[in-house]
């Protein structure tokens, strides 16, 4: 598919929506809507027995959602994926990781969004104070035993990035077990 033109139809500090005119493989033309967002980091805080998740109200779905800590750099700033992972973990939970292991990448929603998520396993954790952004003031956090976390997958834990990141963790653990 070839891009013939592109125009921004909406922009705010967190994203840009554009409409591209494209030429398909058969030569026909059409439009494609794309959401440009910054890449993000997702962190799985693991203490050996369970996971720390955060819960906040997610306006688009009109409900609160349990998720692994995650986020993108503030508008106008840049950070490497590992810097972003450490920042998000500290901001949302107050935890500091002595070790951060890269698990892999996720395409957020490749049919419409061009952002990539970088997933990390955070271990050797110490507690500090969280540093939440104003939009995160309703955020709560809690430890989940691994058995409880797995039981709630698909019912109370439905965030697609959290579920996908857990599969990357399982593959990592399988590879480590040899």
Foldseek 3Di string as FASTA:
>chain_A
DAFPDKDWPDDDLFWTKMKTWGQDPVRDIDIAIAIEGEAKEFEFEDAPFWTKWKWDQDVVVRGIATAGFMDGDGRPDDDDRVVRRQLRCCQQFQKGAPDKAWLDKDQQDVRHYRYIYTYIYGYPIDGGHHNYDPVCPRMDMDIDGPVRVVVCDPPRHDPPVRVVSVVSVVVVVVVVVD
